[in-house]
Amino acid sequence: MANVIKLFQEDPQDTVRRRMHLAWESAFHPYGLTLMDATCADSLRAAISVVDGLLDGACALEMITPEQRDTLRAHIDVGLSAADEFQHHS
């Protein structure tokens, strides 16, 4: 099978993003919640917005560097895309 071309092979970055989306979704399950619910997804967006502001504040106070803020922001922004992704599948 070494000569078979995988036409539908997922990009490794897509695989990681999908796993991160599932991790965000799984975090809500113990509370009986799902990102497929619009209210839950909106609540996540609101919470991430607050955290985003906190990161800006921490950076302004020089508690973290701009690079650290941007790295943290990239990780939590996956939560935003998870909320969007699960809304598309509901």
N, C-alpha and C. Protein backbone atom coordinates (compact mmCIF):
# COMPACT_ATOMS: atom_id res chain seq x y z
N MET A 1 0.80 -1.19 0.00
CA MET A 1 0.00 0.00 0.00
C MET A 1 0.85 1.26 0.00
N ALA A 2 2.15 1.12 -0.04
CA ALA A 2 3.03 2.28 0.01
C ALA A 2 2.84 3.19 -1.20
N ASN A 3 2.33 2.66 -2.30
CA ASN A 3 2.17 3.48 -3.50
C ASN A 3 0.78 4.13 -3.60
N VAL A 4 -0.03 4.01 -2.59
CA VAL A 4 -1.37 4.60 -2.60
C VAL A 4 -1.28 6.06 -2.16
N ILE A 5 -1.91 6.93 -2.92
CA ILE A 5 -1.93 8.36 -2.58
C ILE A 5 -3.11 8.62 -1.66
N LYS A 6 -2.84 9.22 -0.53
CA LYS A 6 -3.89 9.54 0.42
C LYS A 6 -4.51 10.87 0.01
N LEU A 7 -5.66 10.81 -0.62
CA LEU A 7 -6.31 12.01 -1.12
C LEU A 7 -6.94 12.84 -0.02
N PHE A 8 -7.31 12.20 1.07
CA PHE A 8 -8.03 12.89 2.12
C PHE A 8 -7.25 12.95 3.42
N GLN A 9 -5.95 12.98 3.31
CA GLN A 9 -5.12 13.05 4.51
C GLN A 9 -5.24 14.45 5.12
N GLU A 10 -5.51 14.47 6.42
CA GLU A 10 -5.69 15.74 7.12
C GLU A 10 -4.34 16.38 7.42
N ASP A 11 -4.27 17.68 7.25
CA ASP A 11 -3.07 18.43 7.59
C ASP A 11 -2.81 18.28 9.09
N PRO A 12 -1.57 18.06 9.51
CA PRO A 12 -1.27 17.89 10.94
C PRO A 12 -1.76 19.06 11.79
N GLN A 13 -1.69 20.29 11.29
CA GLN A 13 -2.18 21.43 12.05
C GLN A 13 -3.70 21.37 12.22
N ASP A 14 -4.40 20.88 11.20
CA ASP A 14 -5.85 20.71 11.32
C ASP A 14 -6.19 19.67 12.37
N THR A 15 -5.38 18.62 12.43
CA THR A 15 -5.59 17.57 13.42
C THR A 15 -5.44 18.14 14.83
N VAL A 16 -4.40 18.93 15.03
CA VAL A 16 -4.17 19.54 16.35
C VAL A 16 -5.31 20.49 16.69
N ARG A 17 -5.73 21.31 15.75
CA ARG A 17 -6.82 22.26 16.00
C ARG A 17 -8.11 21.51 16.33
N ARG A 18 -8.39 20.43 15.61
CA ARG A 18 -9.60 19.64 15.88
C ARG A 18 -9.55 19.06 17.29
N ARG A 19 -8.38 18.56 17.69
CA ARG A 19 -8.23 18.01 19.04
C ARG A 19 -8.40 19.10 20.10
N MET A 20 -7.91 20.29 19.82
CA MET A 20 -8.07 21.39 20.77
C MET A 20 -9.54 21.81 20.85
N HIS A 21 -10.24 21.80 19.71
CA HIS A 21 -11.67 22.10 19.73
C HIS A 21 -12.41 21.08 20.60
N LEU A 22 -12.06 19.82 20.44
CA LEU A 22 -12.70 18.77 21.24
C LEU A 22 -12.38 18.94 22.72
N ALA A 23 -11.18 19.39 23.03
CA ALA A 23 -10.82 19.63 24.44
C ALA A 23 -11.69 20.74 25.03
N TRP A 24 -11.92 21.80 24.28
CA TRP A 24 -12.80 22.87 24.75
C TRP A 24 -14.21 22.33 24.95
N GLU A 25 -14.71 21.59 23.99
CA GLU A 25 -16.05 21.02 24.10
C GLU A 25 -16.14 20.09 25.31
N SER A 26 -15.14 19.26 25.49
CA SER A 26 -15.13 18.30 26.60
C SER A 26 -15.12 18.98 27.96
N ALA A 27 -14.56 20.16 28.04
CA ALA A 27 -14.51 20.89 29.31
C ALA A 27 -15.91 21.25 29.81
N PHE A 28 -16.87 21.33 28.92
CA PHE A 28 -18.23 21.71 29.29
C PHE A 28 -19.10 20.51 29.67
N HIS A 29 -18.71 19.33 29.24
CA HIS A 29 -19.53 18.13 29.47
C HIS A 29 -19.81 17.84 30.94
N PRO A 30 -18.85 17.98 31.85
CA PRO A 30 -19.15 17.68 33.27
C PRO A 30 -20.26 18.56 33.84
N TYR A 31 -20.53 19.68 33.20
CA TYR A 31 -21.56 20.60 33.67
C TYR A 31 -22.87 20.44 32.90
N GLY A 32 -22.91 19.41 32.06
CA GLY A 32 -24.11 19.17 31.26
C GLY A 32 -24.28 20.19 30.14
N LEU A 33 -23.18 20.79 29.71
CA LEU A 33 -23.21 21.83 28.68
C LEU A 33 -22.50 21.38 27.42
N THR A 34 -22.81 22.05 26.33
CA THR A 34 -22.16 21.76 25.05
C THR A 34 -22.03 23.06 24.27
N LEU A 35 -20.98 23.16 23.49
CA LEU A 35 -20.80 24.33 22.64
C LEU A 35 -21.78 24.33 21.46
N MET A 36 -22.50 23.24 21.28
CA MET A 36 -23.54 23.21 20.25
C MET A 36 -24.73 24.08 20.66
N ASP A 37 -24.83 24.37 21.95
CA ASP A 37 -25.87 25.26 22.45
C ASP A 37 -25.39 26.70 22.27
N ALA A 38 -26.19 27.52 21.59
CA ALA A 38 -25.79 28.89 21.26
C ALA A 38 -25.49 29.71 22.52
N THR A 39 -26.27 29.54 23.56
CA THR A 39 -26.04 30.30 24.79
C THR A 39 -24.71 29.93 25.43
N CYS A 40 -24.40 28.66 25.43
CA CYS A 40 -23.12 28.20 25.98
C CYS A 40 -21.96 28.74 25.15
N ALA A 41 -22.08 28.66 23.83
CA ALA A 41 -21.03 29.17 22.96
C ALA A 41 -20.84 30.67 23.15
N ASP A 42 -21.94 31.40 23.28
CA ASP A 42 -21.85 32.85 23.52
C ASP A 42 -21.20 33.15 24.87
N SER A 43 -21.50 32.33 25.88
CA SER A 43 -20.88 32.50 27.19
C SER A 43 -19.37 32.30 27.10
N LEU A 44 -18.95 31.32 26.32
CA LEU A 44 -17.51 31.09 26.14
C LEU A 44 -16.88 32.30 25.45
N ARG A 45 -17.54 32.81 24.42
CA ARG A 45 -17.01 33.99 23.73
C ARG A 45 -16.87 35.17 24.70
N ALA A 46 -17.86 35.37 25.55
CA ALA A 46 -17.82 36.47 26.53
C ALA A 46 -16.66 36.27 27.51
N ALA A 47 -16.50 35.05 28.00
CA ALA A 47 -15.42 34.76 28.95
C ALA A 47 -14.06 34.98 28.30
N ILE A 48 -13.92 34.56 27.07
CA ILE A 48 -12.64 34.74 26.38
C ILE A 48 -12.37 36.22 26.15
N SER A 49 -13.40 36.99 25.90
CA SER A 49 -13.25 38.43 25.74
C SER A 49 -12.70 39.06 27.03
N VAL A 50 -13.20 38.60 28.17
CA VAL A 50 -12.71 39.10 29.45
C VAL A 50 -11.25 38.71 29.64
N VAL A 51 -10.93 37.46 29.37
CA VAL A 51 -9.54 37.00 29.52
C VAL A 51 -8.62 37.77 28.59
N ASP A 52 -9.10 38.06 27.39
CA ASP A 52 -8.31 38.83 26.43
C ASP A 52 -7.97 40.21 27.01
N GLY A 53 -8.95 40.84 27.64
CA GLY A 53 -8.70 42.13 28.29
C GLY A 53 -7.72 42.01 29.45
N LEU A 54 -7.83 40.92 30.20
CA LEU A 54 -6.90 40.69 31.30
C LEU A 54 -5.47 40.52 30.79
N LEU A 55 -5.33 39.85 29.67
CA LEU A 55 -4.00 39.68 29.09
C LEU A 55 -3.42 41.02 28.66
N ASP A 56 -4.26 41.87 28.06
CA ASP A 56 -3.79 43.20 27.67
C ASP A 56 -3.37 44.00 28.90
N GLY A 57 -4.16 43.90 29.97
CA GLY A 57 -3.82 44.60 31.21
C GLY A 57 -2.52 44.11 31.81
N ALA A 58 -2.35 42.80 31.83
CA ALA A 58 -1.11 42.22 32.37
C ALA A 58 0.10 42.66 31.56
N CYS A 59 -0.10 42.77 30.26
CA CYS A 59 0.98 43.21 29.39
C CYS A 59 1.28 44.69 29.64
N ALA A 60 0.24 45.50 29.77
CA ALA A 60 0.42 46.94 30.03
C ALA A 60 1.14 47.18 31.35
N LEU A 61 0.88 46.32 32.33
CA LEU A 61 1.53 46.43 33.63
C LEU A 61 2.89 45.74 33.67
N GLU A 62 3.30 45.22 32.53
CA GLU A 62 4.58 44.52 32.37
C GLU A 62 4.68 43.29 33.26
N MET A 63 3.53 42.66 33.53
CA MET A 63 3.52 41.39 34.26
C MET A 63 3.88 40.25 33.32
N ILE A 64 3.55 40.44 32.04
CA ILE A 64 3.92 39.49 30.99
C ILE A 64 4.42 40.31 29.80
N THR A 65 5.21 39.66 28.96
CA THR A 65 5.73 40.35 27.77
C THR A 65 4.68 40.30 26.66
N PRO A 66 4.81 41.16 25.67
CA PRO A 66 3.89 41.08 24.53
C PRO A 66 3.92 39.70 23.86
N GLU A 67 5.08 39.09 23.83
CA GLU A 67 5.20 37.76 23.22
C GLU A 67 4.43 36.72 24.03
N GLN A 68 4.54 36.81 25.35
CA GLN A 68 3.79 35.89 26.20
C GLN A 68 2.28 36.11 26.03
N ARG A 69 1.87 37.37 25.99
CA ARG A 69 0.45 37.68 25.78
C ARG A 69 -0.04 37.08 24.47
N ASP A 70 0.74 37.27 23.42
CA ASP A 70 0.33 36.77 22.11
C ASP A 70 0.26 35.25 22.07
N THR A 71 1.19 34.59 22.76
CA THR A 71 1.16 33.12 22.84
C THR A 71 -0.08 32.65 23.59
N LEU A 72 -0.34 33.27 24.73
CA LEU A 72 -1.54 32.90 25.50
C LEU A 72 -2.80 33.20 24.71
N ARG A 73 -2.82 34.32 24.03
CA ARG A 73 -3.99 34.70 23.23
C ARG A 73 -4.23 33.67 22.12
N ALA A 74 -3.17 33.20 21.51
CA ALA A 74 -3.32 32.19 20.44
C ALA A 74 -3.97 30.93 20.98
N HIS A 75 -3.60 30.53 22.19
CA HIS A 75 -4.18 29.33 22.79
C HIS A 75 -5.65 29.53 23.12
N ILE A 76 -5.99 30.65 23.72
CA ILE A 76 -7.40 30.84 24.10
C ILE A 76 -8.27 31.16 22.89
N ASP A 77 -7.67 31.72 21.84
CA ASP A 77 -8.45 32.00 20.64
C ASP A 77 -8.96 30.72 19.98
N VAL A 78 -8.32 29.61 20.27
CA VAL A 78 -8.83 28.33 19.78
C VAL A 78 -10.22 28.08 20.37
N GLY A 79 -10.45 28.58 21.58
CA GLY A 79 -11.78 28.47 22.19
C GLY A 79 -12.82 29.20 21.37
N LEU A 80 -12.45 30.36 20.82
CA LEU A 80 -13.38 31.09 19.96
C LEU A 80 -13.69 30.29 18.70
N SER A 81 -12.67 29.72 18.11
CA SER A 81 -12.93 28.96 16.90
C SER A 81 -13.68 27.66 17.22
N ALA A 82 -13.48 27.12 18.43
CA ALA A 82 -14.25 25.93 18.84
C ALA A 82 -15.72 26.28 18.97
N ALA A 83 -16.02 27.43 19.57
CA ALA A 83 -17.41 27.86 19.70
C ALA A 83 -18.05 28.01 18.33
N ASP A 84 -17.31 28.60 17.40
CA ASP A 84 -17.82 28.77 16.03
C ASP A 84 -17.99 27.42 15.33
N GLU A 85 -16.99 26.56 15.49
CA GLU A 85 -17.04 25.25 14.84
C GLU A 85 -18.22 24.42 15.30
N PHE A 86 -18.45 24.38 16.61
CA PHE A 86 -19.56 23.58 17.12
C PHE A 86 -20.90 24.19 16.76
N GLN A 87 -20.96 25.50 16.59
CA GLN A 87 -22.21 26.13 16.16
C GLN A 87 -22.53 25.78 14.72
N HIS A 88 -21.50 25.59 13.90
CA HIS A 88 -21.72 25.20 12.50
C HIS A 88 -22.24 23.78 12.39
N HIS A 89 -21.96 22.97 13.41
CA HIS A 89 -22.37 21.56 13.37
C HIS A 89 -23.63 21.28 14.18
N SER A 90 -24.22 22.32 14.74
CA SER A 90 -25.42 22.07 15.55
C SER A 90 -26.67 22.11 14.71
